[in-house]
Amino acid sequence: MENEFLDRAQLDQKKAAEKKRKKKSSKSRRSNPFVQVLNGDFLTKEFMLGNLNFIFFIILLLLLVVGKGYYGKQLSKDVVSTQEQLDEATSDYFEAKATLEEETRRVRLVDQLESRGLKETVNPTKVIRIKKDKNE
């Protein structure tokens, strides 16, 4: 039958039918991505090997996102602990300053120095200034 005589119209119809069959088979292979996920076609060896670079890139991006989340949590913990240390140091400073002011009040110093025989002066202090000659 293959050696039969066909006219041009029949030959064109036969080629068109073959093209339609090829298109249908290629369309069934390349359905939309959502259907591929639902069918599980995206897990085939051909698909995986064809898109291996992209898959590794996506995995790298996912790892970076997870790492960034952990890094952000660690930074926030460090900020909180540093703020607590700063608050503690500030309160220690104010406590030490208040204690120093209490201990060095004028009335208290006068009472402590009386036992040694020192008294508070009632005359203001005098400043002695010496003028130096420019020649010397």
C-alpha atoms as a PDB file:
ATOM      1  CA  MET A   1       0.000   0.000   0.000  1.00  0.00           C
ATOM      2  CA  GLU A   2       2.836   2.370   0.486  1.00  0.00           C
ATOM      3  CA  ASN A   3       3.621   2.385  -3.193  1.00  0.00           C
ATOM      4  CA  GLU A   4       0.148   3.577  -4.124  1.00  0.00           C
ATOM      5  CA  PHE A   5      -0.368   6.646  -6.172  1.00  0.00           C
ATOM      6  CA  LEU A   6      -1.625   9.593  -4.106  1.00  0.00           C
ATOM      7  CA  ASP A   7      -2.608  12.909  -5.458  1.00  0.00           C
ATOM      8  CA  ARG A   8      -1.343  16.152  -3.981  1.00  0.00           C
ATOM      9  CA  ALA A   9      -4.489  16.865  -1.916  1.00  0.00           C
ATOM     10  CA  GLN A  10      -4.411  13.445  -0.245  1.00  0.00           C
ATOM     11  CA  LEU A  11      -0.682  13.830   0.505  1.00  0.00           C
ATOM     12  CA  ASP A  12      -1.265  17.235   2.099  1.00  0.00           C
ATOM     13  CA  GLN A  13      -4.099  15.828   4.216  1.00  0.00           C
ATOM     14  CA  LYS A  14      -1.936  12.948   5.381  1.00  0.00           C
ATOM     15  CA  LYS A  15       0.922  15.308   6.369  1.00  0.00           C
ATOM     16  CA  ALA A  16      -1.503  17.589   8.215  1.00  0.00           C
ATOM     17  CA  ALA A  17      -2.900  14.622  10.146  1.00  0.00           C
ATOM     18  CA  GLU A  18       0.627  13.536  11.114  1.00  0.00           C
ATOM     19  CA  LYS A  19       1.448  17.068  12.289  1.00  0.00           C
ATOM     20  CA  LYS A  20      -1.706  17.152  14.411  1.00  0.00           C
ATOM     21  CA  ARG A  21      -0.767  13.842  16.040  1.00  0.00           C
ATOM     22  CA  LYS A  22       2.738  15.138  16.769  1.00  0.00           C
ATOM     23  CA  LYS A  23       1.351  18.360  18.239  1.00  0.00           C
ATOM     24  CA  LYS A  24      -1.073  16.444  20.446  1.00  0.00           C
ATOM     25  CA  SER A  25       1.663  14.171  21.733  1.00  0.00           C
ATOM     26  CA  SER A  26       4.018  17.117  22.381  1.00  0.00           C
ATOM     27  CA  LYS A  27       1.215  19.034  24.121  1.00  0.00           C
ATOM     28  CA  SER A  28       0.505  16.101  26.405  1.00  0.00           C
ATOM     29  CA  ARG A  29       4.199  16.004  27.335  1.00  0.00           C
ATOM     30  CA  ARG A  30       4.374  19.725  27.966  1.00  0.00           C
ATOM     31  CA  SER A  31       1.307  20.493  30.032  1.00  0.00           C
ATOM     32  CA  ASN A  32       1.189  23.488  32.316  1.00  0.00           C
ATOM     33  CA  PRO A  33       3.420  23.490  35.435  1.00  0.00           C
ATOM     34  CA  PHE A  34       0.517  23.267  37.875  1.00  0.00           C
ATOM     35  CA  VAL A  35      -0.680  20.025  36.273  1.00  0.00           C
ATOM     36  CA  GLN A  36       2.906  18.703  36.285  1.00  0.00           C
ATOM     37  CA  VAL A  37       3.119  19.277  40.034  1.00  0.00           C
ATOM     38  CA  LEU A  38      -0.225  17.592  40.638  1.00  0.00           C
ATOM     39  CA  ASN A  39       0.686  14.603  38.445  1.00  0.00           C
ATOM     40  CA  GLY A  40       4.187  14.304  39.824  1.00  0.00           C
ATOM     41  CA  ASP A  41       5.722  14.732  36.365  1.00  0.00           C
ATOM     42  CA  PHE A  42       8.176  17.290  37.723  1.00  0.00           C
ATOM     43  CA  LEU A  43       9.962  14.477  39.572  1.00  0.00           C
ATOM     44  CA  THR A  44      10.900  12.599  36.417  1.00  0.00           C
ATOM     45  CA  LYS A  45      14.547  12.074  35.623  1.00  0.00           C
ATOM     46  CA  GLU A  46      14.364  14.137  32.440  1.00  0.00           C
ATOM     47  CA  PHE A  47      12.891  17.158  34.217  1.00  0.00           C
ATOM     48  CA  MET A  48      15.281  16.910  37.176  1.00  0.00           C
ATOM     49  CA  LEU A  49      18.387  16.652  34.995  1.00  0.00           C
ATOM     50  CA  GLY A  50      17.239  19.442  32.729  1.00  0.00           C
ATOM     51  CA  ASN A  51      16.667  21.845  35.591  1.00  0.00           C
ATOM     52  CA  LEU A  52      19.362  20.729  38.041  1.00  0.00           C
ATOM     53  CA  ASN A  53      21.143  24.100  38.098  1.00  0.00           C
ATOM     54  CA  PHE A  54      17.899  25.940  38.824  1.00  0.00           C
ATOM     55  CA  ILE A  55      16.984  23.449  41.567  1.00  0.00           C
ATOM     56  CA  PHE A  56      20.371  23.927  43.255  1.00  0.00           C
ATOM     57  CA  PHE A  57      19.936  27.692  43.026  1.00  0.00           C
ATOM     58  CA  ILE A  58      16.517  27.513  44.684  1.00  0.00           C
ATOM     59  CA  ILE A  59      17.930  25.284  47.454  1.00  0.00           C
ATOM     60  CA  LEU A  60      20.764  27.782  48.009  1.00  0.00           C
ATOM     61  CA  LEU A  61      18.267  30.635  48.269  1.00  0.00           C
ATOM     62  CA  LEU A  62      16.178  28.678  50.778  1.00  0.00           C
ATOM     63  CA  LEU A  63      19.266  27.991  52.892  1.00  0.00           C
ATOM     64  CA  LEU A  64      20.159  31.680  52.815  1.00  0.00           C
ATOM     65  CA  VAL A  65      16.663  32.663  53.957  1.00  0.00           C
ATOM     66  CA  VAL A  66      16.788  30.200  56.857  1.00  0.00           C
ATOM     67  CA  GLY A  67      20.308  31.336  57.800  1.00  0.00           C
ATOM     68  CA  LYS A  68      19.235  34.967  57.700  1.00  0.00           C
ATOM     69  CA  GLY A  69      16.377  34.201  60.086  1.00  0.00           C
ATOM     70  CA  TYR A  70      18.696  32.552  62.597  1.00  0.00           C
ATOM     71  CA  TYR A  71      21.221  35.380  62.230  1.00  0.00           C
ATOM     72  CA  GLY A  72      18.483  37.967  62.896  1.00  0.00           C
ATOM     73  CA  LYS A  73      17.360  36.129  66.027  1.00  0.00           C
ATOM     74  CA  GLN A  74      20.946  35.951  67.292  1.00  0.00           C
ATOM     75  CA  LEU A  75      21.427  39.674  66.675  1.00  0.00           C
ATOM     76  CA  SER A  76      18.263  40.549  68.568  1.00  0.00           C
ATOM     77  CA  LYS A  77      19.388  38.386  71.514  1.00  0.00           C
ATOM     78  CA  ASP A  78      22.761  40.141  71.496  1.00  0.00           C
ATOM     79  CA  VAL A  79      21.094  43.553  71.440  1.00  0.00           C
ATOM     80  CA  VAL A  80      18.872  42.641  74.398  1.00  0.00           C
ATOM     81  CA  SER A  81      21.768  41.277  76.466  1.00  0.00           C
ATOM     82  CA  THR A  82      23.944  44.306  75.680  1.00  0.00           C
ATOM     83  CA  GLN A  83      21.103  46.644  76.674  1.00  0.00           C
ATOM     84  CA  GLU A  84      20.734  44.792  79.980  1.00  0.00           C
ATOM     85  CA  GLN A  85      24.471  45.128  80.642  1.00  0.00           C
ATOM     86  CA  LEU A  86      24.312  48.837  79.819  1.00  0.00           C
ATOM     87  CA  ASP A  87      21.371  49.350  82.171  1.00  0.00           C
ATOM     88  CA  GLU A  88      23.223  47.518  84.951  1.00  0.00           C
ATOM     89  CA  ALA A  89      26.387  49.582  84.420  1.00  0.00           C
ATOM     90  CA  THR A  90      24.345  52.802  84.406  1.00  0.00           C
ATOM     91  CA  SER A  91      22.627  51.930  87.672  1.00  0.00           C
ATOM     92  CA  ASP A  92      26.007  51.037  89.238  1.00  0.00           C
ATOM     93  CA  TYR A  93      27.376  54.389  88.094  1.00  0.00           C
ATOM     94  CA  PHE A  94      24.502  56.363  89.605  1.00  0.00           C
ATOM     95  CA  GLU A  95      24.751  54.387  92.842  1.00  0.00           C
ATOM     96  CA  ALA A  96      28.496  55.016  93.097  1.00  0.00           C
ATOM     97  CA  LYS A  97      28.025  58.703  92.297  1.00  0.00           C
ATOM     98  CA  ALA A  98      25.349  59.081  94.982  1.00  0.00           C
ATOM     99  CA  THR A  99      27.566  57.308  97.540  1.00  0.00           C
ATOM    100  CA  LEU A 100      30.527  59.551  96.664  1.00  0.00           C
ATOM    101  CA  GLU A 101      28.419  62.685  96.999  1.00  0.00           C
ATOM    102  CA  GLU A 102      27.119  61.473 100.366  1.00  0.00           C
ATOM    103  CA  GLU A 103      30.614  60.720 101.663  1.00  0.00           C
ATOM    104  CA  THR A 104      32.181  63.968 100.459  1.00  0.00           C
ATOM    105  CA  ARG A 105      29.606  66.426 101.699  1.00  0.00           C
ATOM    106  CA  ARG A 106      31.220  69.410 103.407  1.00  0.00           C
ATOM    107  CA  VAL A 107      29.567  68.919 106.807  1.00  0.00           C
ATOM    108  CA  ARG A 108      30.592  65.282 106.947  1.00  0.00           C
ATOM    109  CA  LEU A 109      34.208  66.054 105.980  1.00  0.00           C
ATOM    110  CA  VAL A 110      34.407  68.737 108.707  1.00  0.00           C
ATOM    111  CA  ASP A 111      33.179  66.240 111.337  1.00  0.00           C
ATOM    112  CA  GLN A 112      35.707  63.606 110.248  1.00  0.00           C
ATOM    113  CA  LEU A 113      38.653  66.037 110.216  1.00  0.00           C
ATOM    114  CA  GLU A 114      37.938  67.516 113.702  1.00  0.00           C
ATOM    115  CA  SER A 115      39.244  64.344 115.342  1.00  0.00           C
ATOM    116  CA  ARG A 116      42.626  65.032 113.728  1.00  0.00           C
ATOM    117  CA  GLY A 117      42.667  68.603 114.921  1.00  0.00           C
ATOM    118  CA  LEU A 118      41.848  70.247 111.616  1.00  0.00           C
ATOM    119  CA  LYS A 119      39.283  73.001 111.516  1.00  0.00           C
ATOM    120  CA  GLU A 120      37.419  74.693 108.771  1.00  0.00           C
ATOM    121  CA  THR A 121      38.704  78.157 107.921  1.00  0.00           C
ATOM    122  CA  VAL A 122      36.457  81.118 108.197  1.00  0.00           C
ATOM    123  CA  ASN A 123      38.739  83.394 106.147  1.00  0.00           C
ATOM    124  CA  PRO A 124      38.667  83.023 102.394  1.00  0.00           C
ATOM    125  CA  THR A 125      41.746  81.671 100.717  1.00  0.00           C
ATOM    126  CA  LYS A 126      44.232  84.119  99.268  1.00  0.00           C
ATOM    127  CA  VAL A 127      45.998  83.635  95.986  1.00  0.00           C
ATOM    128  CA  ILE A 128      49.623  84.704  95.752  1.00  0.00           C
ATOM    129  CA  ARG A 129      50.741  85.603  92.277  1.00  0.00           C
ATOM    130  CA  ILE A 130      54.335  86.186  91.311  1.00  0.00           C
ATOM    131  CA  LYS A 131      55.088  88.310  88.323  1.00  0.00           C
ATOM    132  CA  LYS A 132      57.994  87.093  86.311  1.00  0.00           C
ATOM    133  CA  ASP A 133      60.290  89.462  84.503  1.00  0.00           C
ATOM    134  CA  LYS A 134      60.507  89.040  80.799  1.00  0.00           C
ATOM    135  CA  ASN A 135      64.284  89.387  80.959  1.00  0.00           C
ATOM    136  CA  GLU A 136      64.798  86.312  83.077  1.00  0.00           C
END
